[in-house]
Each structure stands twice: as structure tokens, then as C-alpha cells.
Amino acid sequence: MTDIADRPDLVAGVDSRLREVAKLIRRSMLDAMPDGEPSQWLYAPMREYPSRPGKALRPALCLSAGRAFGAGSDDLLGIAVAIELLHNAFLVHDDVADGSEMRRGRPTLAAEYGVAAAVNAGDGLAVVAGQVLRRATRRLDGDLAELVWAEFDTMAMRTLEGQATEVGWQLDNVEQLRPEDYLNLIMHKTCWYTTIHPLRVGAMVGSGGTVDLRPLVRFGFHFGAAFQIRDDLLNLVGDERIYGKEILGDLYEGKRTLPLMHLLSVAQSGDLALVRDYLGRTRAERSPEMVRSVRDLMDTYDSITFTRQYAEGILLVAEEYFEQAFAGAAPGPDLDFLRALVPYVWARWR
């Protein structure tokens, strides 16, 4: 794998591309928002998350994959905007379900406007995503437009299945989980809409529906899994000012992340009893002292180290699958950007 320490230009190049895409997508999302009343109770909250700086990874993947396979930017922009709008709708509902307090460095919609207004705003963002996608697919021929819509439907259902599984594990206090269970969860919950879908739908449009999508699934899954594990680790070890979300929020919520699964599998005696007692409580019952104790046990039992090494192994596989996934793509800046993303994620473990 490329040694990122020797390639500061690579990091700067990826960051620059993501910022460029984020600016374009943010402006396009806000342009797509309805005006009128009730502004303070619906349309103003709907604009909140799209207005806040985000990574814009999903639209960047869609745009770059599409252009690498032959599409023009005009045929891709609306689809990329729809992807990001739906992502923002998912974020609003996730924050409600998780009881989260921070999103992108500011209070969540539920914390700022209340749960009811947040749910309505999330629903509104999903509706606008559909409107934007409908306008975008009018540029495509009928068969290709149907393929794109089917791809969105599949992505949305896979994501909901993953969300339901994660919530179910918490509701039923499921403890007997392995890394394979975690990978299956994030394949649905994260990878489909974060990496697999943007890559597939971009390549689909670029190739006119002829590209073999299976290698893109393999690459997208491994890249997306590493991306999610990185996010899980940042929730445990990151800087809240940079991370933009509540540090240790996953622990407060009792989410079955890979570090927690590892801890459950190796903790001994009283330590295991402490973790199980913590999992059996509601978020409101988990004191800061209890959460800190569980976090400290992750250091004691090397759960953070295990998780980092596990992610590094997945990224190595992603790098191997990259060449298969983009064998039919045209050389150029877009393909270079996509190739650089694997070592870019790798840098987050350093």
C-alpha cells in the first residue's frame, strides 16, 4: 500500500477534491430546497444539515466513477445531489433514534428544534431527494433511468435493513456477536449507501448500464467497511472539535461496534460483568463514569489495537480489488482520485 507519509501531495489532493465537491453539492442541495411556509418549523430545519460542512464522499464517488466510465458532469450532478440529500435525511433520523446531541460540530436538529420537527425535516429531505432524482433521470434514456431508480430503491432498503439490525441488537441486548456479524451489519447499514451505491450508479450512468457491477460491490464493500471502522475508532479516540460529533457517543448508545464486540469476546470475570451490566442499561442509565470504565477496558484488552489492525487488513484487500473494479475506466484525474482514496483512509490510522 502507498505510504501516505511519503505522499503529502496525495492527502492534499484528496482533501482539495472533496472540498470542491462539497461546495458544489452544498450549493445545489440548498438550491433544491422549497421556499415558503412553514419556514421556521419545516424549511429552515431542512436546510440545517445541508448547510453544514460535510465530507461529501458519496457525491464525490458518484461523480468521479461516472466520469471515469464516460459520463459527463451534467448527467451526474443531479444524481450526486440526490444521494447527498438522502444521506442528510438518514442523518436526521439517525440522530433522533440515537439520541445524539452533536452533528457536524453543532447541535442536532432534535436537540435544537425538538424530535417532532426533526422527524418532519428528515422526511422532507427524503422527499426532496426523490424530486431531484426524478429531474436528473429525465436526462437519461428510459431503460437507464429505470436502472438508476432501481439502484436507489435497493440502496435505501439495504440501509434500512442495517439500521433495523443495529437497533434490534440494542433492543434485545445481543452479546454473542463476531466480527463477521459486524461486517454484515455495516455492509447493509453503511457500505451500500456510502460507497457501493455511489460507485455503482455513477458507473452505470457512465457506461450506459453495460459495466459489470460486481467488482464495484467487492471494492465498495471493503473500502466502505474500513471507512466505517475508522469512524467508529474516531468516536473513541478522536478530537470532538474535528470529529464534529459527540465523542464516546457510540458507547453511551450501546452500539455494537467492532471494538465493543472484541471487548466482549476477551474480557475476563469482573470486567466482563461490568460490560454486560453496562449493555443491559438504557442510555440514560449509563453514567459518564461507567462509559469511561468501558472505554478504559478497551485499552486494557487491546480492543482499539485489534480494530485498527482489522481495518488495515480490509483496506489492503480493497486496494487489491480496486484494479478489478475500474479495469474498464479511463485514465485521468477522476481515476487518480478514486485510487488515492484507499491510502487516504489508511492515513487515518496513523
Protein backbone atom coordinates (compact mmCIF):
# COMPACT_ATOMS: atom_id res chain seq x y z
CA MET A 1 0.00 0.00 0.00
CA THR A 2 1.15 3.54 -0.73
CA ASP A 3 2.95 5.02 2.27
CA ILE A 4 0.94 8.14 2.94
CA ALA A 5 3.76 9.65 4.98
CA ASP A 6 5.76 9.93 1.76
CA ARG A 7 2.86 11.47 -0.18
CA PRO A 8 1.58 14.66 1.48
CA ASP A 9 0.54 15.75 -2.02
CA LEU A 10 -1.88 12.80 -2.14
CA VAL A 11 -3.65 13.86 1.05
CA ALA A 12 -3.78 17.47 -0.10
CA GLY A 13 -5.15 16.42 -3.48
CA VAL A 14 -7.93 14.29 -1.99
CA ASP A 15 -8.82 16.99 0.54
CA SER A 16 -8.93 19.61 -2.22
CA ARG A 17 -11.20 17.48 -4.41
CA LEU A 18 -13.56 16.72 -1.52
CA ARG A 19 -13.79 20.41 -0.59
CA GLU A 20 -14.50 21.32 -4.21
CA VAL A 21 -17.26 18.71 -4.49
CA ALA A 22 -18.69 19.64 -1.08
CA LYS A 23 -19.03 23.28 -2.08
CA LEU A 24 -20.79 22.38 -5.34
CA ILE A 25 -23.12 19.84 -3.73
CA ARG A 26 -23.97 22.06 -0.76
CA ARG A 27 -24.98 24.90 -3.07
CA SER A 28 -27.01 22.52 -5.26
CA MET A 29 -28.81 20.99 -2.27
CA LEU A 30 -29.81 24.39 -0.94
CA ASP A 31 -30.97 25.46 -4.40
CA ALA A 32 -33.26 22.41 -4.45
CA MET A 33 -34.95 23.27 -1.15
CA PRO A 34 -38.54 24.57 -1.22
CA ASP A 35 -39.33 28.08 -0.01
CA GLY A 36 -42.48 29.28 1.70
CA GLU A 37 -44.28 28.38 4.88
CA PRO A 38 -43.99 26.95 7.43
CA SER A 39 -40.41 28.14 7.22
CA GLN A 40 -39.41 28.12 10.90
CA TRP A 41 -40.93 24.71 11.58
CA LEU A 42 -40.04 22.84 8.39
CA TYR A 43 -37.97 24.51 5.68
CA ALA A 44 -35.46 26.19 7.99
CA PRO A 45 -34.70 22.90 9.83
CA MET A 46 -34.46 21.09 6.46
CA ARG A 47 -31.69 23.48 5.41
CA GLU A 48 -29.64 22.96 8.58
CA TYR A 49 -27.63 19.81 7.80
CA PRO A 50 -27.13 20.55 4.09
CA SER A 51 -25.72 23.95 5.13
CA ARG A 52 -23.13 22.42 7.46
CA PRO A 53 -19.72 21.35 6.10
CA GLY A 54 -19.57 17.61 5.41
CA LYS A 55 -17.10 15.20 3.80
CA ALA A 56 -19.11 14.90 0.54
CA LEU A 57 -17.57 11.45 -0.01
CA ARG A 58 -20.72 9.95 -1.53
CA PRO A 59 -21.28 12.54 -4.28
CA ALA A 60 -17.52 12.63 -4.95
CA LEU A 61 -17.53 8.86 -5.55
CA CYS A 62 -20.55 9.11 -7.83
CA LEU A 63 -19.16 11.97 -9.90
CA SER A 64 -15.66 10.51 -10.25
CA ALA A 65 -16.79 6.96 -11.02
CA GLY A 66 -19.32 8.22 -13.55
CA ARG A 67 -16.82 10.41 -15.37
CA ALA A 68 -14.17 7.68 -15.29
CA PHE A 69 -16.62 5.41 -17.11
CA GLY A 70 -17.54 8.04 -19.68
CA ALA A 71 -20.37 10.22 -18.33
CA GLY A 72 -20.48 13.99 -18.44
CA SER A 73 -20.82 16.01 -15.25
CA ASP A 74 -24.25 17.30 -16.29
CA ASP A 75 -25.65 13.76 -16.36
CA LEU A 76 -24.26 13.00 -12.89
CA LEU A 77 -24.73 16.15 -10.80
CA GLY A 78 -28.43 15.73 -10.01
CA ILE A 79 -27.90 12.07 -9.06
CA ALA A 80 -24.98 13.00 -6.79
CA VAL A 81 -27.10 15.73 -5.15
CA ALA A 82 -29.95 13.25 -4.57
CA ILE A 83 -27.53 10.84 -2.90
CA GLU A 84 -26.31 13.52 -0.52
CA LEU A 85 -29.82 14.76 0.25
CA LEU A 86 -30.90 11.24 1.17
CA HIS A 87 -27.75 10.91 3.30
CA ASN A 88 -28.77 14.06 5.19
CA ALA A 89 -32.28 12.64 5.69
CA PHE A 90 -30.75 9.46 7.14
CA LEU A 91 -28.53 11.55 9.44
CA VAL A 92 -31.51 13.44 10.86
CA HIS A 93 -33.39 10.23 11.62
CA ASP A 94 -30.25 8.51 12.96
CA ASP A 95 -29.70 11.35 15.39
CA VAL A 96 -33.28 11.06 16.62
CA ALA A 97 -33.02 7.28 17.04
CA ASP A 98 -29.64 7.50 18.78
CA GLY A 99 -30.44 10.49 21.00
CA SER A 100 -27.32 12.20 19.61
CA GLU A 101 -26.51 15.72 20.67
CA MET A 102 -23.94 16.90 18.10
CA ARG A 103 -23.78 16.72 14.30
CA ARG A 104 -21.04 18.40 12.28
CA GLY A 105 -19.94 20.48 15.22
CA ARG A 106 -23.38 21.88 16.12
CA PRO A 107 -26.48 20.66 17.98
CA THR A 108 -28.54 18.03 16.19
CA LEU A 109 -31.92 19.00 14.79
CA ALA A 110 -33.64 17.09 17.58
CA ALA A 111 -31.61 18.98 20.19
CA GLU A 112 -32.25 22.36 18.55
CA TYR A 113 -35.84 22.05 17.28
CA GLY A 114 -37.27 19.04 19.10
CA VAL A 115 -37.87 15.46 17.97
CA ALA A 116 -41.12 16.10 16.08
CA ALA A 117 -39.68 18.92 13.95
CA ALA A 118 -36.54 16.87 13.30
CA VAL A 119 -38.53 13.87 12.06
CA ASN A 120 -40.52 16.14 9.74
CA ALA A 121 -37.32 17.73 8.43
CA GLY A 122 -35.81 14.30 7.76
CA ASP A 123 -38.95 13.24 5.89
CA GLY A 124 -38.82 16.47 3.89
CA LEU A 125 -35.20 15.91 2.88
CA ALA A 126 -36.08 12.41 1.64
CA VAL A 127 -38.94 13.83 -0.44
CA VAL A 128 -36.68 16.50 -1.98
CA ALA A 129 -34.06 13.82 -2.75
CA GLY A 130 -36.69 11.98 -4.77
CA GLN A 131 -37.68 15.16 -6.60
CA VAL A 132 -34.07 15.90 -7.52
CA LEU A 133 -33.51 12.33 -8.70
CA ARG A 134 -36.64 12.44 -10.85
CA ARG A 135 -35.44 15.58 -12.61
CA ALA A 136 -31.94 14.12 -13.03
CA THR A 137 -33.11 10.87 -14.61
CA ARG A 138 -35.12 12.73 -17.26
CA ARG A 139 -31.77 13.31 -18.95
CA LEU A 140 -31.28 9.56 -19.35
CA ASP A 141 -32.95 7.13 -21.74
CA GLY A 142 -35.88 5.21 -20.31
CA ASP A 143 -34.13 1.89 -19.60
CA LEU A 144 -31.15 3.54 -17.94
CA ALA A 145 -33.41 5.78 -15.85
CA GLU A 146 -35.24 2.67 -14.62
CA LEU A 147 -31.93 1.05 -13.68
CA VAL A 148 -30.91 4.15 -11.69
CA TRP A 149 -34.23 4.25 -9.83
CA ALA A 150 -33.99 0.52 -9.05
CA GLU A 151 -30.47 1.11 -7.73
CA PHE A 152 -31.75 3.83 -5.38
CA ASP A 153 -34.57 1.58 -4.17
CA THR A 154 -32.15 -1.27 -3.44
CA MET A 155 -29.74 1.04 -1.64
CA ALA A 156 -32.49 2.52 0.55
CA MET A 157 -33.81 -0.90 1.60
CA ARG A 158 -30.34 -2.30 2.34
CA THR A 159 -29.64 0.74 4.52
CA LEU A 160 -32.91 0.39 6.43
CA GLU A 161 -32.21 -3.32 6.97
CA GLY A 162 -28.87 -2.44 8.50
CA GLN A 163 -30.35 0.26 10.71
CA ALA A 164 -33.04 -2.13 11.90
CA THR A 165 -30.45 -4.79 12.73
CA GLU A 166 -28.35 -2.35 14.74
CA VAL A 167 -31.39 -1.15 16.69
CA GLY A 168 -32.51 -4.75 17.21
CA TRP A 169 -29.17 -5.74 18.69
CA GLN A 170 -29.56 -2.97 21.25
CA LEU A 171 -33.24 -3.64 21.98
CA ASP A 172 -32.64 -7.38 22.52
CA ASN A 173 -29.28 -6.80 24.26
CA VAL A 174 -27.50 -9.14 21.86
CA GLU A 175 -24.00 -10.01 23.10
CA GLN A 176 -22.84 -13.06 21.13
CA LEU A 177 -21.52 -11.23 18.07
CA ARG A 178 -18.44 -11.81 15.95
CA PRO A 179 -16.52 -9.60 13.51
CA GLU A 180 -18.40 -11.33 10.68
CA ASP A 181 -21.68 -10.14 12.22
CA TYR A 182 -20.33 -6.61 12.34
CA LEU A 183 -19.24 -6.75 8.70
CA ASN A 184 -22.68 -8.00 7.67
CA LEU A 185 -24.25 -5.13 9.60
CA ILE A 186 -22.16 -2.40 8.03
CA MET A 187 -22.48 -3.97 4.56
CA HIS A 188 -26.15 -3.01 4.83
CA LYS A 189 -26.09 -0.02 7.20
CA THR A 190 -23.11 1.86 5.76
CA CYS A 191 -21.49 0.39 2.68
CA TRP A 192 -24.49 0.29 0.36
CA TYR A 193 -25.26 3.97 0.56
CA THR A 194 -21.80 5.32 1.40
CA THR A 195 -19.61 3.59 -1.18
CA ILE A 196 -21.25 0.76 -3.15
CA HIS A 197 -24.27 2.70 -4.41
CA PRO A 198 -22.45 5.93 -5.39
CA LEU A 199 -19.82 3.92 -7.27
CA ARG A 200 -22.35 1.63 -8.95
CA VAL A 201 -24.80 4.31 -10.00
CA GLY A 202 -22.00 6.52 -11.33
CA ALA A 203 -20.50 3.65 -13.33
CA MET A 204 -23.97 2.66 -14.51
CA VAL A 205 -24.63 6.11 -15.96
CA GLY A 206 -21.12 6.42 -17.38
CA SER A 207 -21.27 3.09 -19.20
CA GLY A 208 -24.90 3.31 -20.23
CA GLY A 209 -25.74 0.37 -18.00
CA THR A 210 -23.19 -2.03 -19.53
CA VAL A 211 -20.43 -2.16 -16.90
CA ASP A 212 -20.04 -5.28 -14.72
CA LEU A 213 -21.11 -4.01 -11.30
CA ARG A 214 -19.91 -7.00 -9.25
CA PRO A 215 -16.27 -5.87 -8.89
CA LEU A 216 -17.53 -2.47 -7.77
CA VAL A 217 -19.50 -4.18 -4.98
CA ARG A 218 -16.39 -6.01 -3.79
CA PHE A 219 -14.26 -2.88 -3.79
CA GLY A 220 -17.02 -0.69 -2.38
CA PHE A 221 -17.70 -3.10 0.48
CA HIS A 222 -14.09 -3.32 1.65
CA PHE A 223 -13.47 0.39 1.23
CA GLY A 224 -16.75 1.26 2.95
CA ALA A 225 -16.11 -1.17 5.82
CA ALA A 226 -12.73 0.40 6.52
CA PHE A 227 -14.29 3.86 6.33
CA GLN A 228 -16.95 2.89 8.90
CA ILE A 229 -14.45 1.26 11.26
CA ARG A 230 -12.36 4.42 11.06
CA ASP A 231 -15.45 6.40 12.06
CA ASP A 232 -16.07 4.02 14.99
CA LEU A 233 -12.49 4.50 16.16
CA LEU A 234 -12.66 8.28 15.85
CA ASN A 235 -15.70 8.18 18.12
CA LEU A 236 -13.45 6.60 20.74
CA VAL A 237 -10.15 8.40 20.21
CA GLY A 238 -10.92 11.50 18.12
CA ASP A 239 -11.00 15.21 18.88
CA GLU A 240 -14.61 16.39 19.16
CA ARG A 241 -13.81 19.74 17.56
CA ILE A 242 -12.50 17.96 14.45
CA TYR A 243 -14.77 14.90 14.56
CA GLY A 244 -17.92 17.05 14.74
CA LYS A 245 -19.94 14.55 16.75
CA GLU A 246 -20.20 13.54 20.39
CA ILE A 247 -17.04 11.68 21.43
CA LEU A 248 -17.93 8.34 23.09
CA GLY A 249 -21.46 8.76 21.76
CA ASP A 250 -21.44 5.18 20.44
CA LEU A 251 -20.63 3.90 23.92
CA TYR A 252 -23.39 5.95 25.51
CA GLU A 253 -25.82 4.49 22.95
CA GLY A 254 -24.60 0.92 23.44
CA LYS A 255 -23.82 0.44 19.76
CA ARG A 256 -22.27 -2.92 18.91
CA THR A 257 -19.16 -1.58 17.22
CA LEU A 258 -16.16 -3.77 16.42
CA PRO A 259 -14.11 -2.58 19.44
CA LEU A 260 -17.02 -3.41 21.74
CA MET A 261 -17.51 -6.83 20.15
CA HIS A 262 -13.82 -7.56 20.66
CA LEU A 263 -14.01 -6.44 24.28
CA LEU A 264 -16.97 -8.74 24.92
CA SER A 265 -15.06 -11.68 23.47
CA VAL A 266 -11.90 -11.24 25.56
CA ALA A 267 -12.87 -9.51 28.85
CA GLN A 268 -12.47 -11.63 31.94
CA SER A 269 -14.52 -12.17 35.09
CA GLY A 270 -15.47 -8.89 36.76
CA ASP A 271 -14.55 -6.85 33.70
CA LEU A 272 -16.93 -8.87 31.55
CA ALA A 273 -19.64 -8.50 34.17
CA LEU A 274 -19.16 -4.72 34.10
CA VAL A 275 -19.52 -4.61 30.30
CA ARG A 276 -22.62 -6.79 30.38
CA ASP A 277 -24.18 -4.66 33.10
CA TYR A 278 -23.47 -1.55 31.03
CA LEU A 279 -25.06 -3.11 27.93
CA GLY A 280 -28.18 -4.00 29.88
CA ARG A 281 -28.84 -0.37 30.79
CA THR A 282 -30.53 2.40 28.83
CA ARG A 283 -28.58 5.40 27.62
CA ALA A 284 -29.99 7.50 30.46
CA GLU A 285 -28.71 4.92 32.97
CA ARG A 286 -25.15 4.91 31.62
CA SER A 287 -23.19 7.37 33.72
CA PRO A 288 -20.05 9.09 32.41
CA GLU A 289 -18.05 7.07 34.94
CA MET A 290 -19.43 3.77 33.61
CA VAL A 291 -18.81 4.78 29.99
CA ARG A 292 -15.26 5.80 30.86
CA SER A 293 -14.68 2.46 32.60
CA VAL A 294 -15.76 0.56 29.49
CA ARG A 295 -13.59 2.80 27.32
CA ASP A 296 -10.59 2.14 29.60
CA LEU A 297 -11.18 -1.61 29.33
CA MET A 298 -10.82 -1.28 25.56
CA ASP A 299 -7.25 -0.13 26.18
CA THR A 300 -6.62 -2.82 28.77
CA TYR A 301 -7.71 -5.60 26.41
CA ASP A 302 -6.20 -4.04 23.24
CA SER A 303 -9.59 -3.65 21.57
CA ILE A 304 -8.53 -0.41 19.87
CA THR A 305 -5.36 -2.02 18.51
CA PHE A 306 -7.31 -5.06 17.30
CA THR A 307 -9.82 -2.86 15.50
CA ARG A 308 -7.17 -0.71 13.84
CA GLN A 309 -5.30 -3.78 12.57
CA TYR A 310 -8.54 -5.36 11.37
CA ALA A 311 -9.33 -2.25 9.34
CA GLU A 312 -5.84 -2.13 7.89
CA GLY A 313 -6.30 -5.69 6.62
CA ILE A 314 -9.61 -4.78 5.00
CA LEU A 315 -8.00 -1.79 3.29
CA LEU A 316 -5.27 -3.99 1.82
CA VAL A 317 -7.98 -6.15 0.26
CA ALA A 318 -9.77 -3.03 -1.01
CA GLU A 319 -6.60 -1.93 -2.77
CA GLU A 320 -6.36 -5.32 -4.49
CA TYR A 321 -9.99 -5.11 -5.66
CA PHE A 322 -9.62 -1.58 -6.98
CA GLU A 323 -7.93 -2.55 -10.23
CA GLN A 324 -10.61 -5.14 -10.99
CA ALA A 325 -13.42 -2.68 -10.25
CA PHE A 326 -12.03 0.02 -12.55
CA ALA A 327 -10.45 -2.12 -15.26
CA GLY A 328 -12.72 -0.52 -17.87
CA ALA A 329 -12.36 3.06 -16.62
CA ALA A 330 -10.47 5.78 -18.48
CA PRO A 331 -7.18 7.06 -17.03
CA GLY A 332 -7.30 10.62 -15.74
CA PRO A 333 -7.87 12.82 -12.69
CA ASP A 334 -11.08 11.05 -11.68
CA LEU A 335 -9.50 7.61 -11.65
CA ASP A 336 -6.46 9.02 -9.83
CA PHE A 337 -8.75 10.49 -7.16
CA LEU A 338 -10.58 7.19 -6.66
CA ARG A 339 -7.28 5.28 -6.42
CA ALA A 340 -5.93 7.76 -3.86
CA LEU A 341 -8.89 7.26 -1.51
CA VAL A 342 -7.60 3.93 -0.17
CA PRO A 343 -4.26 5.26 1.17
CA TYR A 344 -6.13 8.41 2.22
CA VAL A 345 -8.31 6.35 4.57
CA TRP A 346 -5.21 4.44 5.65
CA ALA A 347 -3.74 7.71 6.89
CA ARG A 348 -6.48 7.96 9.50
CA TRP A 349 -4.88 5.11 11.48
CA ARG A 350 -1.55 6.96 11.85
